[in-house]
């Protein structure tokens, strides 16, 4: 869901799902010419909430669209704000209880999602490999694994990430 205030700032709510298989996490690689200096980055599958859609509906839809997997959602584990010029994003992260299907990247031009050209790869990435990658939120490379092992004591606010 997107909105705009009278000052021109646009708002976006994003639902994402953290899918874990052993010591690996399902991540989607993005790259564009103008975000993060054109360098690639990895995030859990997810996207913007559409009109009349719940957070859980959005989360399941986005995972299916971006990765080909169907997920059973667990609880909300993280909330994060992301601010860039003209935009304020609120991201809600679910953890998946289970998944089914085979990982696949959407083919460009299929209309499955609007940003075909931004998604470069989709795969399970090992915890060790993640250590050397640009992953957002950064906590997914570090404290997430401790949170997972402890069963997530509660929903945690990860703060605000600002990009100029």
N, C-alpha and C. Protein backbone atom coordinates (compact mmCIF):
# COMPACT_ATOMS: atom_id res chain seq x y z
N UNK A 1 0.85 -1.16 0.00
CA UNK A 1 0.00 0.00 0.00
C UNK A 1 0.90 1.22 0.00
N UNK A 2 0.55 2.18 -0.84
CA UNK A 2 1.30 3.40 -0.93
C UNK A 2 0.38 4.58 -0.65
N UNK A 3 0.96 5.64 -0.18
CA UNK A 3 0.21 6.85 0.08
C UNK A 3 1.13 8.04 -0.03
N UNK A 4 0.56 9.23 0.05
CA UNK A 4 1.37 10.44 -0.04
C UNK A 4 0.81 11.46 0.92
N UNK A 5 1.72 12.17 1.63
CA UNK A 5 1.25 13.23 2.50
C UNK A 5 1.24 14.55 1.72
N UNK A 6 0.75 15.59 2.34
CA UNK A 6 0.62 16.87 1.64
C UNK A 6 1.97 17.49 1.29
N UNK A 7 3.03 17.03 1.93
CA UNK A 7 4.37 17.54 1.64
C UNK A 7 5.08 16.78 0.53
N UNK A 8 4.42 15.82 -0.08
CA UNK A 8 5.01 15.08 -1.19
C UNK A 8 5.75 13.82 -0.79
N UNK A 9 5.85 13.53 0.51
CA UNK A 9 6.50 12.29 0.94
C UNK A 9 5.56 11.12 0.68
N UNK A 10 6.07 10.08 0.03
CA UNK A 10 5.26 8.91 -0.26
C UNK A 10 5.56 7.82 0.76
N UNK A 11 4.52 7.05 1.10
CA UNK A 11 4.63 5.98 2.08
C UNK A 11 4.37 4.64 1.41
N UNK A 12 5.08 3.62 1.88
CA UNK A 12 4.90 2.28 1.32
C UNK A 12 5.00 1.27 2.45
N UNK A 13 4.07 0.33 2.48
CA UNK A 13 4.12 -0.78 3.43
C UNK A 13 4.57 -2.01 2.67
N UNK A 14 5.60 -2.67 3.16
CA UNK A 14 6.17 -3.84 2.50
C UNK A 14 6.10 -5.02 3.45
N UNK A 15 5.59 -6.15 2.97
CA UNK A 15 5.59 -7.39 3.74
C UNK A 15 6.62 -8.33 3.12
N UNK A 16 7.44 -8.94 3.96
CA UNK A 16 8.48 -9.85 3.49
C UNK A 16 8.46 -11.11 4.34
N UNK A 17 9.02 -12.18 3.79
CA UNK A 17 9.03 -13.47 4.49
C UNK A 17 10.44 -14.02 4.54
N UNK A 18 10.86 -14.40 5.74
CA UNK A 18 12.15 -15.04 5.94
C UNK A 18 11.92 -16.54 5.90
N UNK A 19 12.44 -17.18 4.84
CA UNK A 19 12.28 -18.62 4.64
C UNK A 19 13.64 -19.26 4.90
N UNK A 20 13.68 -20.19 5.85
CA UNK A 20 14.92 -20.83 6.24
C UNK A 20 14.86 -22.32 5.93
N UNK A 21 15.97 -22.84 5.43
CA UNK A 21 16.12 -24.27 5.19
C UNK A 21 17.49 -24.66 5.76
N UNK A 22 17.49 -25.26 6.94
CA UNK A 22 18.75 -25.59 7.61
C UNK A 22 19.49 -24.32 7.98
N UNK A 23 20.73 -24.18 7.46
CA UNK A 23 21.51 -22.97 7.75
C UNK A 23 21.50 -22.01 6.56
N UNK A 24 20.47 -22.11 5.73
CA UNK A 24 20.35 -21.23 4.56
C UNK A 24 19.05 -20.45 4.60
N UNK A 25 19.09 -19.27 3.99
CA UNK A 25 17.93 -18.39 3.93
C UNK A 25 17.62 -18.06 2.47
N UNK A 26 16.34 -18.04 2.14
CA UNK A 26 15.91 -17.67 0.79
C UNK A 26 16.05 -16.17 0.61
N UNK A 27 16.84 -15.77 -0.39
CA UNK A 27 17.07 -14.35 -0.64
C UNK A 27 16.88 -14.04 -2.12
N UNK A 28 16.50 -12.79 -2.38
CA UNK A 28 16.30 -12.28 -3.72
C UNK A 28 17.35 -11.20 -3.95
N UNK A 29 18.09 -11.32 -5.05
CA UNK A 29 19.12 -10.32 -5.36
C UNK A 29 18.51 -9.24 -6.26
N UNK A 30 18.69 -8.00 -5.83
CA UNK A 30 18.23 -6.84 -6.60
C UNK A 30 19.43 -6.03 -7.06
N UNK A 31 19.23 -5.30 -8.14
CA UNK A 31 20.23 -4.35 -8.59
C UNK A 31 19.56 -3.33 -9.48
N UNK A 32 19.91 -2.09 -9.27
CA UNK A 32 19.43 -1.03 -10.15
C UNK A 32 20.55 -0.02 -10.30
N UNK A 33 20.41 0.86 -11.25
CA UNK A 33 21.45 1.84 -11.51
C UNK A 33 21.50 2.94 -10.47
N UNK A 34 20.36 3.20 -9.79
CA UNK A 34 20.32 4.36 -8.91
C UNK A 34 20.21 4.06 -7.42
N UNK A 35 19.92 2.82 -7.04
CA UNK A 35 19.81 2.49 -5.62
C UNK A 35 21.10 1.88 -5.11
N UNK A 36 21.54 2.31 -3.97
CA UNK A 36 22.74 1.77 -3.33
C UNK A 36 23.95 1.84 -4.26
N UNK A 37 24.03 2.89 -5.06
CA UNK A 37 25.18 3.08 -5.93
C UNK A 37 25.26 2.09 -7.06
N UNK A 38 24.17 1.43 -7.40
CA UNK A 38 24.17 0.46 -8.48
C UNK A 38 24.70 -0.91 -8.10
N UNK A 39 25.10 -1.06 -6.85
CA UNK A 39 25.62 -2.34 -6.37
C UNK A 39 24.48 -3.30 -6.06
N UNK A 40 24.66 -4.60 -6.27
CA UNK A 40 23.60 -5.56 -5.95
C UNK A 40 23.43 -5.72 -4.44
N UNK A 41 22.21 -6.03 -4.03
CA UNK A 41 21.92 -6.32 -2.63
C UNK A 41 20.90 -7.43 -2.56
N UNK A 42 20.82 -8.09 -1.41
CA UNK A 42 19.95 -9.24 -1.21
C UNK A 42 18.96 -8.95 -0.09
N UNK A 43 17.72 -9.39 -0.27
CA UNK A 43 16.66 -9.23 0.72
C UNK A 43 15.76 -10.45 0.70
N UNK A 44 15.02 -10.69 1.78
CA UNK A 44 14.01 -11.74 1.73
C UNK A 44 12.93 -11.35 0.71
N UNK A 45 12.28 -12.31 0.09
CA UNK A 45 11.22 -11.98 -0.85
C UNK A 45 10.11 -11.21 -0.17
N UNK A 46 9.58 -10.24 -0.89
CA UNK A 46 8.50 -9.43 -0.35
C UNK A 46 8.20 -8.27 -1.26
N UNK A 47 7.19 -7.50 -0.90
CA UNK A 47 6.82 -6.36 -1.71
C UNK A 47 5.68 -5.58 -1.10
N UNK A 48 5.22 -4.61 -1.84
CA UNK A 48 4.21 -3.69 -1.36
C UNK A 48 2.83 -4.28 -1.24
N UNK A 49 2.14 -3.88 -0.18
CA UNK A 49 0.77 -4.30 0.06
C UNK A 49 -0.12 -3.60 -0.97
N UNK A 50 -1.00 -4.37 -1.59
CA UNK A 50 -1.94 -3.82 -2.57
C UNK A 50 -3.26 -3.48 -1.89
N UNK A 51 -4.06 -2.65 -2.55
CA UNK A 51 -5.34 -2.20 -2.01
C UNK A 51 -6.18 -3.40 -1.58
N UNK A 52 -6.79 -3.30 -0.40
CA UNK A 52 -7.68 -4.32 0.16
C UNK A 52 -6.99 -5.65 0.43
N UNK A 53 -5.68 -5.65 0.56
CA UNK A 53 -4.93 -6.88 0.81
C UNK A 53 -4.38 -6.82 2.23
N UNK A 54 -4.43 -7.95 2.93
CA UNK A 54 -3.86 -8.00 4.28
C UNK A 54 -2.34 -8.19 4.18
N UNK A 55 -1.65 -7.96 5.28
CA UNK A 55 -0.21 -8.19 5.31
C UNK A 55 0.12 -9.64 4.98
N UNK A 56 -0.66 -10.58 5.54
CA UNK A 56 -0.37 -12.00 5.29
C UNK A 56 -0.64 -12.37 3.84
N UNK A 57 -1.70 -11.83 3.26
CA UNK A 57 -1.97 -12.10 1.84
C UNK A 57 -0.84 -11.56 0.97
N UNK A 58 -0.39 -10.36 1.27
CA UNK A 58 0.72 -9.75 0.53
C UNK A 58 1.98 -10.60 0.65
N UNK A 59 2.31 -11.00 1.86
CA UNK A 59 3.53 -11.77 2.09
C UNK A 59 3.52 -13.07 1.29
N UNK A 60 2.42 -13.80 1.35
CA UNK A 60 2.33 -15.06 0.61
C UNK A 60 2.39 -14.83 -0.91
N UNK A 61 1.68 -13.82 -1.38
CA UNK A 61 1.67 -13.51 -2.82
C UNK A 61 3.06 -13.15 -3.32
N UNK A 62 3.74 -12.29 -2.59
CA UNK A 62 5.06 -11.85 -3.02
C UNK A 62 6.07 -12.99 -3.07
N UNK A 63 6.04 -13.87 -2.08
CA UNK A 63 6.96 -15.02 -2.11
C UNK A 63 6.68 -15.89 -3.33
N UNK A 64 5.42 -16.16 -3.60
CA UNK A 64 5.06 -16.98 -4.75
C UNK A 64 5.49 -16.30 -6.06
N UNK A 65 5.22 -15.00 -6.19
CA UNK A 65 5.57 -14.28 -7.41
C UNK A 65 7.07 -14.24 -7.65
N UNK A 66 7.83 -13.96 -6.60
CA UNK A 66 9.27 -13.75 -6.76
C UNK A 66 10.08 -15.03 -6.76
N UNK A 67 9.56 -16.09 -6.13
CA UNK A 67 10.39 -17.29 -5.95
C UNK A 67 9.75 -18.58 -6.42
N UNK A 68 8.44 -18.60 -6.63
CA UNK A 68 7.75 -19.83 -7.01
C UNK A 68 7.36 -20.70 -5.83
N UNK A 69 7.68 -20.29 -4.61
CA UNK A 69 7.37 -21.09 -3.43
C UNK A 69 6.06 -20.65 -2.78
N UNK A 70 5.32 -21.62 -2.27
CA UNK A 70 4.15 -21.35 -1.43
C UNK A 70 4.61 -21.47 0.02
N UNK A 71 4.22 -20.53 0.86
CA UNK A 71 4.67 -20.54 2.25
C UNK A 71 3.50 -20.57 3.22
N UNK A 72 3.74 -21.22 4.36
CA UNK A 72 2.86 -21.12 5.52
C UNK A 72 3.55 -20.14 6.46
N UNK A 73 2.86 -19.07 6.80
CA UNK A 73 3.47 -18.02 7.59
C UNK A 73 3.42 -18.32 9.08
N UNK A 74 4.52 -17.96 9.73
CA UNK A 74 4.57 -17.95 11.18
C UNK A 74 4.29 -16.53 11.64
N UNK A 75 4.95 -16.13 12.67
CA UNK A 75 4.69 -14.83 13.28
C UNK A 75 5.51 -13.71 12.65
N UNK A 76 5.13 -12.49 12.98
CA UNK A 76 5.93 -11.32 12.62
C UNK A 76 7.11 -11.27 13.58
N UNK A 77 8.32 -11.21 13.02
CA UNK A 77 9.51 -11.22 13.87
C UNK A 77 10.26 -9.88 13.87
N UNK A 78 10.18 -9.12 12.79
CA UNK A 78 10.88 -7.85 12.71
C UNK A 78 10.01 -6.80 12.03
N UNK A 79 10.23 -5.55 12.44
CA UNK A 79 9.66 -4.38 11.78
C UNK A 79 10.81 -3.41 11.58
N UNK A 80 10.86 -2.80 10.41
CA UNK A 80 11.95 -1.88 10.10
C UNK A 80 11.43 -0.73 9.27
N UNK A 81 11.99 0.44 9.47
CA UNK A 81 11.70 1.60 8.64
C UNK A 81 12.87 1.81 7.69
N UNK A 82 12.55 2.22 6.48
CA UNK A 82 13.56 2.46 5.46
C UNK A 82 13.20 3.78 4.80
N UNK A 83 14.13 4.72 4.83
CA UNK A 83 13.86 6.06 4.32
C UNK A 83 14.84 6.38 3.20
N UNK A 84 14.29 6.85 2.10
CA UNK A 84 15.10 7.34 0.98
C UNK A 84 14.44 8.62 0.49
N UNK A 85 15.14 9.42 -0.31
CA UNK A 85 14.55 10.70 -0.73
C UNK A 85 13.14 10.53 -1.32
N UNK A 86 12.18 11.21 -0.68
CA UNK A 86 10.80 11.19 -1.15
C UNK A 86 9.97 10.01 -0.68
N UNK A 87 10.58 9.04 -0.01
CA UNK A 87 9.87 7.81 0.39
C UNK A 87 10.14 7.45 1.84
N UNK A 88 9.10 6.91 2.47
CA UNK A 88 9.21 6.31 3.80
C UNK A 88 8.57 4.93 3.71
N UNK A 89 9.38 3.89 3.89
CA UNK A 89 8.90 2.51 3.81
C UNK A 89 8.79 1.93 5.22
N UNK A 90 7.76 1.17 5.47
CA UNK A 90 7.63 0.39 6.69
C UNK A 90 7.62 -1.07 6.27
N UNK A 91 8.60 -1.84 6.75
CA UNK A 91 8.74 -3.23 6.36
C UNK A 91 8.37 -4.15 7.52
N UNK A 92 7.55 -5.14 7.23
CA UNK A 92 7.10 -6.12 8.20
C UNK A 92 7.65 -7.47 7.76
N UNK A 93 8.41 -8.14 8.64
CA UNK A 93 9.04 -9.42 8.30
C UNK A 93 8.40 -10.57 9.06
N UNK A 94 7.83 -11.51 8.32
CA UNK A 94 7.31 -12.75 8.87
C UNK A 94 8.40 -13.81 8.76
N UNK A 95 8.31 -14.83 9.59
CA UNK A 95 9.14 -16.01 9.40
C UNK A 95 8.20 -17.10 8.88
N UNK A 96 8.68 -17.89 7.92
CA UNK A 96 7.86 -18.97 7.36
C UNK A 96 7.95 -20.19 8.26
N UNK A 97 6.80 -20.81 8.53
CA UNK A 97 6.79 -22.08 9.26
C UNK A 97 7.17 -23.23 8.34
N UNK A 98 6.78 -23.14 7.07
CA UNK A 98 7.10 -24.18 6.09
C UNK A 98 6.94 -23.60 4.69
N UNK A 99 7.44 -24.35 3.71
CA UNK A 99 7.29 -23.94 2.32
C UNK A 99 7.17 -25.17 1.44
N UNK A 100 6.63 -24.97 0.23
CA UNK A 100 6.55 -26.05 -0.75
C UNK A 100 6.81 -25.45 -2.13
N UNK A 101 7.23 -26.31 -3.05
CA UNK A 101 7.51 -25.87 -4.41
C UNK A 101 9.00 -25.87 -4.69
N UNK A 102 9.34 -25.36 -5.85
CA UNK A 102 10.73 -25.29 -6.31
C UNK A 102 11.08 -23.84 -6.57
N UNK A 103 12.24 -23.42 -6.08
CA UNK A 103 12.68 -22.04 -6.27
C UNK A 103 12.92 -21.78 -7.75
N UNK A 104 12.36 -20.67 -8.22
CA UNK A 104 12.59 -20.23 -9.59
C UNK A 104 12.43 -18.72 -9.65
N UNK A 105 13.17 -18.12 -10.54
CA UNK A 105 13.07 -16.68 -10.77
C UNK A 105 12.06 -16.45 -11.88
N UNK A 106 11.22 -15.45 -11.72
CA UNK A 106 10.25 -15.11 -12.76
C UNK A 106 10.97 -14.72 -14.04
N UNK A 107 10.38 -15.06 -15.15
CA UNK A 107 10.95 -14.69 -16.44
C UNK A 107 10.57 -13.26 -16.78
N UNK A 108 11.53 -12.46 -17.27
CA UNK A 108 11.22 -11.08 -17.64
C UNK A 108 10.07 -11.03 -18.64
N UNK A 109 9.23 -10.02 -18.46
CA UNK A 109 8.13 -9.82 -19.39
C UNK A 109 6.90 -10.66 -19.12
N UNK A 110 6.91 -11.46 -18.05
CA UNK A 110 5.75 -12.30 -17.77
C UNK A 110 4.64 -11.52 -17.09
N UNK A 111 4.96 -10.33 -16.60
CA UNK A 111 3.95 -9.54 -15.91
C UNK A 111 3.71 -10.01 -14.49
N UNK A 112 4.51 -10.96 -14.01
CA UNK A 112 4.31 -11.47 -12.66
C UNK A 112 4.62 -10.37 -11.65
N UNK A 113 5.61 -9.57 -11.91
CA UNK A 113 5.85 -8.40 -11.07
C UNK A 113 6.42 -7.29 -11.94
N UNK A 114 6.32 -6.07 -11.45
CA UNK A 114 6.66 -4.90 -12.25
C UNK A 114 8.15 -4.64 -12.39
N UNK A 115 8.97 -5.24 -11.54
CA UNK A 115 10.38 -4.90 -11.52
C UNK A 115 11.26 -6.03 -12.02
N UNK A 116 10.86 -6.68 -13.12
CA UNK A 116 11.62 -7.80 -13.66
C UNK A 116 13.10 -7.47 -13.80
N UNK A 117 13.39 -6.29 -14.28
CA UNK A 117 14.77 -5.92 -14.56
C UNK A 117 15.60 -5.72 -13.29
N UNK A 118 14.97 -5.59 -12.14
CA UNK A 118 15.72 -5.37 -10.90
C UNK A 118 16.09 -6.66 -10.18
N UNK A 119 15.35 -7.73 -10.42
CA UNK A 119 15.63 -8.99 -9.73
C UNK A 119 16.61 -9.80 -10.56
N UNK A 120 17.78 -10.05 -9.99
CA UNK A 120 18.85 -10.72 -10.71
C UNK A 120 18.99 -12.19 -10.36
N UNK A 121 18.61 -12.57 -9.14
CA UNK A 121 18.79 -13.96 -8.71
C UNK A 121 17.86 -14.25 -7.54
N UNK A 122 17.52 -15.51 -7.38
CA UNK A 122 16.70 -15.99 -6.26
C UNK A 122 17.27 -17.34 -5.86
N UNK A 123 17.66 -17.48 -4.60
CA UNK A 123 18.19 -18.78 -4.16
C UNK A 123 18.34 -18.81 -2.64
N UNK A 124 18.52 -20.05 -2.14
CA UNK A 124 18.87 -20.22 -0.74
C UNK A 124 20.35 -19.93 -0.60
N UNK A 125 20.69 -19.07 0.35
CA UNK A 125 22.07 -18.65 0.58
C UNK A 125 22.47 -19.12 1.97
N UNK A 126 23.63 -19.78 2.07
CA UNK A 126 24.07 -20.29 3.36
C UNK A 126 24.44 -19.15 4.30
N UNK A 127 24.35 -19.44 5.57
CA UNK A 127 24.71 -18.47 6.60
C UNK A 127 26.15 -17.99 6.41
N UNK A 128 27.06 -18.91 6.09
CA UNK A 128 28.46 -18.55 5.88
C UNK A 128 28.62 -17.63 4.67
N UNK A 129 27.92 -17.94 3.58
CA UNK A 129 28.02 -17.10 2.38
C UNK A 129 27.43 -15.72 2.62
N UNK A 130 26.36 -15.65 3.40
CA UNK A 130 25.72 -14.36 3.69
C UNK A 130 26.67 -13.38 4.37
N UNK A 131 27.63 -13.90 5.12
CA UNK A 131 28.55 -13.04 5.88
C UNK A 131 29.30 -12.08 4.97
N UNK A 132 29.54 -12.47 3.72
CA UNK A 132 30.29 -11.62 2.80
C UNK A 132 29.42 -10.90 1.78
N UNK A 133 28.11 -10.87 1.99
CA UNK A 133 27.19 -10.27 1.03
C UNK A 133 26.52 -9.04 1.62
N UNK A 134 26.01 -8.18 0.75
CA UNK A 134 25.21 -7.05 1.19
C UNK A 134 23.78 -7.54 1.32
N UNK A 135 23.31 -7.67 2.57
CA UNK A 135 21.98 -8.20 2.87
C UNK A 135 21.25 -7.17 3.74
N UNK A 136 19.98 -6.93 3.40
CA UNK A 136 19.15 -6.03 4.20
C UNK A 136 17.91 -6.75 4.67
N UNK A 137 17.50 -6.50 5.92
CA UNK A 137 18.24 -5.76 6.92
C UNK A 137 19.51 -6.51 7.34
N UNK A 138 20.51 -5.77 7.76
CA UNK A 138 21.81 -6.36 8.10
C UNK A 138 21.72 -7.40 9.20
N UNK A 139 20.72 -7.28 10.07
CA UNK A 139 20.55 -8.24 11.17
C UNK A 139 20.33 -9.66 10.67
N UNK A 140 19.91 -9.83 9.43
CA UNK A 140 19.70 -11.18 8.89
C UNK A 140 21.01 -11.95 8.78
N UNK A 141 22.12 -11.24 8.66
CA UNK A 141 23.43 -11.91 8.59
C UNK A 141 23.96 -12.26 9.98
N UNK A 142 23.40 -11.65 11.00
CA UNK A 142 24.01 -11.79 12.33
C UNK A 142 23.00 -12.27 13.36
N UNK A 143 22.33 -11.34 14.01
CA UNK A 143 21.48 -11.68 15.16
C UNK A 143 20.26 -12.52 14.81
N UNK A 144 19.85 -12.55 13.54
CA UNK A 144 18.70 -13.38 13.16
C UNK A 144 18.89 -14.82 13.60
N UNK A 145 20.07 -15.35 13.40
CA UNK A 145 20.31 -16.77 13.68
C UNK A 145 20.18 -17.07 15.17
N UNK A 146 20.59 -16.13 16.02
CA UNK A 146 20.38 -16.28 17.46
C UNK A 146 18.90 -16.16 17.81
N UNK A 147 18.21 -15.21 17.18
CA UNK A 147 16.77 -15.06 17.40
C UNK A 147 16.03 -16.32 16.99
N UNK A 148 16.40 -16.90 15.86
CA UNK A 148 15.77 -18.13 15.38
C UNK A 148 15.99 -19.28 16.37
N UNK A 149 17.23 -19.42 16.83
CA UNK A 149 17.56 -20.50 17.77
C UNK A 149 16.81 -20.36 19.09
N UNK A 150 16.53 -19.12 19.50
CA UNK A 150 15.83 -18.89 20.77
C UNK A 150 14.31 -18.88 20.61
N UNK A 151 13.82 -19.02 19.38
CA UNK A 151 12.37 -19.03 19.16
C UNK A 151 11.74 -17.66 19.09
N UNK A 152 12.54 -16.61 18.92
CA UNK A 152 12.05 -15.23 18.81
C UNK A 152 11.26 -14.83 20.06
N UNK A 153 11.92 -14.11 20.94
CA UNK A 153 11.31 -13.68 22.20
C UNK A 153 10.14 -12.73 21.97
N UNK A 154 10.14 -12.02 20.88
CA UNK A 154 9.06 -11.09 20.56
C UNK A 154 9.36 -10.43 19.23
N UNK A 155 8.44 -9.61 18.78
CA UNK A 155 8.67 -8.84 17.56
C UNK A 155 9.66 -7.73 17.89
N UNK A 156 10.66 -7.57 17.05
CA UNK A 156 11.71 -6.60 17.32
C UNK A 156 11.72 -5.51 16.26
N UNK A 157 11.80 -4.25 16.71
CA UNK A 157 11.94 -3.12 15.80
C UNK A 157 13.42 -2.95 15.50
N UNK A 158 13.78 -2.98 14.23
CA UNK A 158 15.18 -2.91 13.82
C UNK A 158 15.67 -1.49 13.58
N UNK A 159 14.80 -0.51 13.75
CA UNK A 159 15.21 0.87 13.58
C UNK A 159 14.96 1.40 12.19
N UNK A 160 15.65 2.49 11.88
CA UNK A 160 15.49 3.19 10.61
C UNK A 160 16.78 3.11 9.82
N UNK A 161 16.68 2.70 8.56
CA UNK A 161 17.82 2.76 7.65
C UNK A 161 17.58 3.92 6.71
N UNK A 162 18.57 4.80 6.60
CA UNK A 162 18.44 5.96 5.72
C UNK A 162 19.41 5.83 4.56
N UNK A 163 18.89 6.09 3.37
CA UNK A 163 19.70 6.07 2.16
C UNK A 163 19.57 7.42 1.49
N UNK A 164 20.68 8.02 1.18
CA UNK A 164 20.67 9.35 0.52
C UNK A 164 20.65 9.19 -0.96
